[in-house]
Amino acid sequence: MKYVFLLIPVILGLSVPIYNRLDPTLFGFPFFYWSLLAQIPLSAFFIYLAYRGESK
């Protein structure tokens, strides 16, 4: 079950057609760039969840 948490960011990162677009922009950055930047803390959170699932 803990590995499901690791699959979520991988699948999200590899699904390029979902975030390969320009609109909506955030502070002048196209969606492509700010969605990739948002995936970094999201991936760290899922890695933390997988780590917590392993230690129990």
PDB file of N, CA and C in Angstrom:
ATOM      1  N   MET A   1       0.813  -1.198   0.000  1.00  0.00           N
ATOM      2  CA  MET A   1       0.000   0.000   0.000  1.00  0.00           C
ATOM      3  C   MET A   1       0.858   1.264   0.000  1.00  0.00           C
ATOM      4  N   LYS A   2       2.025   1.185   0.665  1.00  0.00           N
ATOM      5  CA  LYS A   2       2.861   2.381   0.754  1.00  0.00           C
ATOM      6  C   LYS A   2       3.405   2.799  -0.610  1.00  0.00           C
ATOM      7  N   TYR A   3       3.541   1.853  -1.534  1.00  0.00           N
ATOM      8  CA  TYR A   3       4.081   2.180  -2.845  1.00  0.00           C
ATOM      9  C   TYR A   3       3.075   2.921  -3.728  1.00  0.00           C
ATOM     10  N   VAL A   4       1.821   2.858  -3.374  1.00  0.00           N
ATOM     11  CA  VAL A   4       0.807   3.622  -4.111  1.00  0.00           C
ATOM     12  C   VAL A   4       1.092   5.107  -3.965  1.00  0.00           C
ATOM     13  N   PHE A   5       1.542   5.504  -2.782  1.00  0.00           N
ATOM     14  CA  PHE A   5       1.872   6.911  -2.572  1.00  0.00           C
ATOM     15  C   PHE A   5       3.038   7.352  -3.452  1.00  0.00           C
ATOM     16  N   LEU A   6       3.922   6.445  -3.803  1.00  0.00           N
ATOM     17  CA  LEU A   6       5.038   6.792  -4.677  1.00  0.00           C
ATOM     18  C   LEU A   6       4.641   6.794  -6.149  1.00  0.00           C
ATOM     19  N   LEU A   7       3.626   6.033  -6.502  1.00  0.00           N
ATOM     20  CA  LEU A   7       3.168   5.992  -7.888  1.00  0.00           C
ATOM     21  C   LEU A   7       2.420   7.258  -8.293  1.00  0.00           C
ATOM     22  N   ILE A   8       1.753   7.892  -7.360  1.00  0.00           N
ATOM     23  CA  ILE A   8       0.950   9.078  -7.678  1.00  0.00           C
ATOM     24  C   ILE A   8       1.801  10.199  -8.275  1.00  0.00           C
ATOM     25  N   PRO A   9       2.919  10.616  -7.646  1.00  0.00           N
ATOM     26  CA  PRO A   9       3.717  11.681  -8.282  1.00  0.00           C
ATOM     27  C   PRO A   9       4.370  11.252  -9.589  1.00  0.00           C
ATOM     28  N   VAL A  10       4.709   9.973  -9.714  1.00  0.00           N
ATOM     29  CA  VAL A  10       5.323   9.494 -10.959  1.00  0.00           C
ATOM     30  C   VAL A  10       4.316   9.580 -12.103  1.00  0.00           C
ATOM     31  N   ILE A  11       3.123   9.103 -11.861  1.00  0.00           N
ATOM     32  CA  ILE A  11       2.090   9.155 -12.898  1.00  0.00           C
ATOM     33  C   ILE A  11       1.733  10.598 -13.226  1.00  0.00           C
ATOM     34  N   LEU A  12       1.651  11.439 -12.208  1.00  0.00           N
ATOM     35  CA  LEU A  12       1.350  12.848 -12.437  1.00  0.00           C
ATOM     36  C   LEU A  12       2.449  13.527 -13.243  1.00  0.00           C
ATOM     37  N   GLY A  13       3.693  13.201 -12.964  1.00  0.00           N
ATOM     38  CA  GLY A  13       4.806  13.806 -13.701  1.00  0.00           C
ATOM     39  C   GLY A  13       4.935  13.307 -15.126  1.00  0.00           C
ATOM     40  N   LEU A  14       4.533  12.069 -15.367  1.00  0.00           N
ATOM     41  CA  LEU A  14       4.649  11.504 -16.714  1.00  0.00           C
ATOM     42  C   LEU A  14       3.445  11.794 -17.602  1.00  0.00           C
ATOM     43  N   SER A  15       2.389  12.308 -17.038  1.00  0.00           N
ATOM     44  CA  SER A  15       1.193  12.611 -17.829  1.00  0.00           C
ATOM     45  C   SER A  15       1.291  14.036 -18.384  1.00  0.00           C
ATOM     46  N   VAL A  16       2.202  14.231 -19.285  1.00  0.00           N
ATOM     47  CA  VAL A  16       2.496  15.548 -19.861  1.00  0.00           C
ATOM     48  C   VAL A  16       1.291  16.181 -20.555  1.00  0.00           C
ATOM     49  N   PRO A  17       0.448  15.447 -21.288  1.00  0.00           N
ATOM     50  CA  PRO A  17      -0.674  16.127 -21.942  1.00  0.00           C
ATOM     51  C   PRO A  17      -1.632  16.833 -20.975  1.00  0.00           C
ATOM     52  N   ILE A  18      -1.616  16.455 -19.720  1.00  0.00           N
ATOM     53  CA  ILE A  18      -2.490  17.118 -18.751  1.00  0.00           C
ATOM     54  C   ILE A  18      -2.009  18.541 -18.464  1.00  0.00           C
ATOM     55  N   TYR A  19      -0.703  18.741 -18.338  1.00  0.00           N
ATOM     56  CA  TYR A  19      -0.208  20.067 -17.969  1.00  0.00           C
ATOM     57  C   TYR A  19       0.578  20.765 -19.076  1.00  0.00           C
ATOM     58  N   ASN A  20       0.557  20.259 -20.286  1.00  0.00           N
ATOM     59  CA  ASN A  20       1.256  20.892 -21.400  1.00  0.00           C
ATOM     60  C   ASN A  20       0.350  21.924 -22.074  1.00  0.00           C
ATOM     61  N   ARG A  21       0.183  23.047 -21.395  1.00  0.00           N
ATOM     62  CA  ARG A  21      -0.632  24.138 -21.940  1.00  0.00           C
ATOM     63  C   ARG A  21      -0.173  25.459 -21.345  1.00  0.00           C
ATOM     64  N   LEU A  22      -0.649  26.535 -21.897  1.00  0.00           N
ATOM     65  CA  LEU A  22      -0.218  27.858 -21.455  1.00  0.00           C
ATOM     66  C   LEU A  22      -1.168  28.481 -20.439  1.00  0.00           C
ATOM     67  N   ASP A  23      -2.446  28.262 -20.614  1.00  0.00           N
ATOM     68  CA  ASP A  23      -3.435  28.894 -19.727  1.00  0.00           C
ATOM     69  C   ASP A  23      -3.896  27.918 -18.675  1.00  0.00           C
ATOM     70  N   PRO A  24      -4.158  28.286 -17.492  1.00  0.00           N
ATOM     71  CA  PRO A  24      -4.123  29.623 -16.889  1.00  0.00           C
ATOM     72  C   PRO A  24      -2.707  29.996 -16.458  1.00  0.00           C
ATOM     73  N   THR A  25      -2.450  31.281 -16.452  1.00  0.00           N
ATOM     74  CA  THR A  25      -1.147  31.759 -16.010  1.00  0.00           C
ATOM     75  C   THR A  25      -1.234  32.171 -14.544  1.00  0.00           C
ATOM     76  N   LEU A  26      -0.115  32.090 -13.849  1.00  0.00           N
ATOM     77  CA  LEU A  26      -0.038  32.487 -12.451  1.00  0.00           C
ATOM     78  C   LEU A  26       1.183  33.380 -12.304  1.00  0.00           C
ATOM     79  N   PHE A  27       0.959  34.652 -11.987  1.00  0.00           N
ATOM     80  CA  PHE A  27       2.026  35.649 -11.873  1.00  0.00           C
ATOM     81  C   PHE A  27       2.847  35.731 -13.157  1.00  0.00           C
ATOM     82  N   GLY A  28       2.206  35.552 -14.300  1.00  0.00           N
ATOM     83  CA  GLY A  28       2.875  35.634 -15.587  1.00  0.00           C
ATOM     84  C   GLY A  28       3.531  34.349 -16.053  1.00  0.00           C
ATOM     85  N   PHE A  29       3.526  33.316 -15.221  1.00  0.00           N
ATOM     86  CA  PHE A  29       4.108  32.032 -15.605  1.00  0.00           C
ATOM     87  C   PHE A  29       3.036  31.157 -16.243  1.00  0.00           C
ATOM     88  N   PRO A  30       3.332  30.525 -17.365  1.00  0.00           N
ATOM     89  CA  PRO A  30       2.367  29.608 -17.981  1.00  0.00           C
ATOM     90  C   PRO A  30       2.085  28.416 -17.062  1.00  0.00           C
ATOM     91  N   PHE A  31       0.970  27.786 -17.297  1.00  0.00           N
ATOM     92  CA  PHE A  31       0.543  26.655 -16.480  1.00  0.00           C
ATOM     93  C   PHE A  31       1.592  25.558 -16.442  1.00  0.00           C
ATOM     94  N   PHE A  32       2.280  25.335 -17.553  1.00  0.00           N
ATOM     95  CA  PHE A  32       3.292  24.283 -17.623  1.00  0.00           C
ATOM     96  C   PHE A  32       4.348  24.454 -16.536  1.00  0.00           C
ATOM     97  N   TYR A  33       4.842  25.680 -16.381  1.00  0.00           N
ATOM     98  CA  TYR A  33       5.936  25.916 -15.436  1.00  0.00           C
ATOM     99  C   TYR A  33       5.461  25.890 -13.990  1.00  0.00           C
ATOM    100  N   TRP A  34       4.365  26.594 -13.691  1.00  0.00           N
ATOM    101  CA  TRP A  34       3.972  26.628 -12.287  1.00  0.00           C
ATOM    102  C   TRP A  34       3.355  25.319 -11.828  1.00  0.00           C
ATOM    103  N   SER A  35       2.832  24.508 -12.732  1.00  0.00           N
ATOM    104  CA  SER A  35       2.337  23.198 -12.302  1.00  0.00           C
ATOM    105  C   SER A  35       3.500  22.263 -11.980  1.00  0.00           C
ATOM    106  N   LEU A  36       4.598  22.360 -12.754  1.00  0.00           N
ATOM    107  CA  LEU A  36       5.785  21.563 -12.425  1.00  0.00           C
ATOM    108  C   LEU A  36       6.388  22.005 -11.102  1.00  0.00           C
ATOM    109  N   LEU A  37       6.396  23.292 -10.840  1.00  0.00           N
ATOM    110  CA  LEU A  37       6.905  23.778  -9.560  1.00  0.00           C
ATOM    111  C   LEU A  37       6.004  23.358  -8.402  1.00  0.00           C
ATOM    112  N   ALA A  38       4.706  23.263  -8.642  1.00  0.00           N
ATOM    113  CA  ALA A  38       3.785  22.814  -7.595  1.00  0.00           C
ATOM    114  C   ALA A  38       3.907  21.315  -7.342  1.00  0.00           C
ATOM    115  N   GLN A  39       4.364  20.576  -8.331  1.00  0.00           N
ATOM    116  CA  GLN A  39       4.522  19.132  -8.161  1.00  0.00           C
ATOM    117  C   GLN A  39       5.681  18.773  -7.246  1.00  0.00           C
ATOM    118  N   ILE A  40       6.621  19.675  -7.057  1.00  0.00           N
ATOM    119  CA  ILE A  40       7.775  19.383  -6.204  1.00  0.00           C
ATOM    120  C   ILE A  40       7.347  19.185  -4.750  1.00  0.00           C
ATOM    121  N   PRO A  41       6.649  20.146  -4.118  1.00  0.00           N
ATOM    122  CA  PRO A  41       6.219  19.885  -2.730  1.00  0.00           C
ATOM    123  C   PRO A  41       5.165  18.789  -2.641  1.00  0.00           C
ATOM    124  N   LEU A  42       4.356  18.653  -3.678  1.00  0.00           N
ATOM    125  CA  LEU A  42       3.359  17.584  -3.680  1.00  0.00           C
ATOM    126  C   LEU A  42       4.031  16.217  -3.706  1.00  0.00           C
ATOM    127  N   SER A  43       5.077  16.082  -4.510  1.00  0.00           N
ATOM    128  CA  SER A  43       5.828  14.825  -4.545  1.00  0.00           C
ATOM    129  C   SER A  43       6.515  14.560  -3.213  1.00  0.00           C
ATOM    130  N   ALA A  44       7.062  15.605  -2.603  1.00  0.00           N
ATOM    131  CA  ALA A  44       7.703  15.440  -1.299  1.00  0.00           C
ATOM    132  C   ALA A  44       6.694  14.980  -0.259  1.00  0.00           C
ATOM    133  N   PHE A  45       5.477  15.476  -0.327  1.00  0.00           N
ATOM    134  CA  PHE A  45       4.438  15.057   0.607  1.00  0.00           C
ATOM    135  C   PHE A  45       4.096  13.577   0.422  1.00  0.00           C
ATOM    136  N   PHE A  46       3.983  13.121  -0.812  1.00  0.00           N
ATOM    137  CA  PHE A  46       3.674  11.715  -1.051  1.00  0.00           C
ATOM    138  C   PHE A  46       4.846  10.806  -0.659  1.00  0.00           C
ATOM    139  N   ILE A  47       6.061  11.277  -0.830  1.00  0.00           N
ATOM    140  CA  ILE A  47       7.220  10.513  -0.375  1.00  0.00           C
ATOM    141  C   ILE A  47       7.204  10.413   1.141  1.00  0.00           C
ATOM    142  N   TYR A  48       6.835  11.494   1.807  1.00  0.00           N
ATOM    143  CA  TYR A  48       6.712  11.467   3.266  1.00  0.00           C
ATOM    144  C   TYR A  48       5.637  10.478   3.707  1.00  0.00           C
ATOM    145  N   LEU A  49       4.517  10.450   3.007  1.00  0.00           N
ATOM    146  CA  LEU A  49       3.454   9.500   3.356  1.00  0.00           C
ATOM    147  C   LEU A  49       3.919   8.057   3.174  1.00  0.00           C
ATOM    148  N   ALA A  50       4.676   7.810   2.132  1.00  0.00           N
ATOM    149  CA  ALA A  50       5.205   6.461   1.923  1.00  0.00           C
ATOM    150  C   ALA A  50       6.212   6.106   3.012  1.00  0.00           C
ATOM    151  N   TYR A  51       6.996   7.061   3.428  1.00  0.00           N
ATOM    152  CA  TYR A  51       7.957   6.833   4.504  1.00  0.00           C
ATOM    153  C   TYR A  51       7.241   6.529   5.822  1.00  0.00           C
ATOM    154  N   ARG A  52       6.192   7.293   6.111  1.00  0.00           N
ATOM    155  CA  ARG A  52       5.433   7.068   7.345  1.00  0.00           C
ATOM    156  C   ARG A  52       4.719   5.720   7.298  1.00  0.00           C
ATOM    157  N   GLY A  53       4.281   5.304   6.146  1.00  0.00           N
ATOM    158  CA  GLY A  53       3.649   3.994   6.023  1.00  0.00           C
ATOM    159  C   GLY A  53       4.616   2.856   6.209  1.00  0.00           C
ATOM    160  N   GLU A  54       5.889   3.100   5.901  1.00  0.00           N
ATOM    161  CA  GLU A  54       6.907   2.075   6.051  1.00  0.00           C
ATOM    162  C   GLU A  54       7.324   1.899   7.510  1.00  0.00           C
ATOM    163  N   SER A  55       7.350   2.996   8.253  1.00  0.00           N
ATOM    164  CA  SER A  55       7.847   2.932   9.622  1.00  0.00           C
ATOM    165  C   SER A  55       6.826   2.355  10.597  1.00  0.00           C
ATOM    166  N   LYS A  56       5.592   2.219  10.187  1.00  0.00           N
ATOM    167  CA  LYS A  56       4.565   1.676  11.081  1.00  0.00           C
ATOM    168  C   LYS A  56       4.470   0.179  10.970  1.00  0.00           C
TER     169      LYS A  56
END
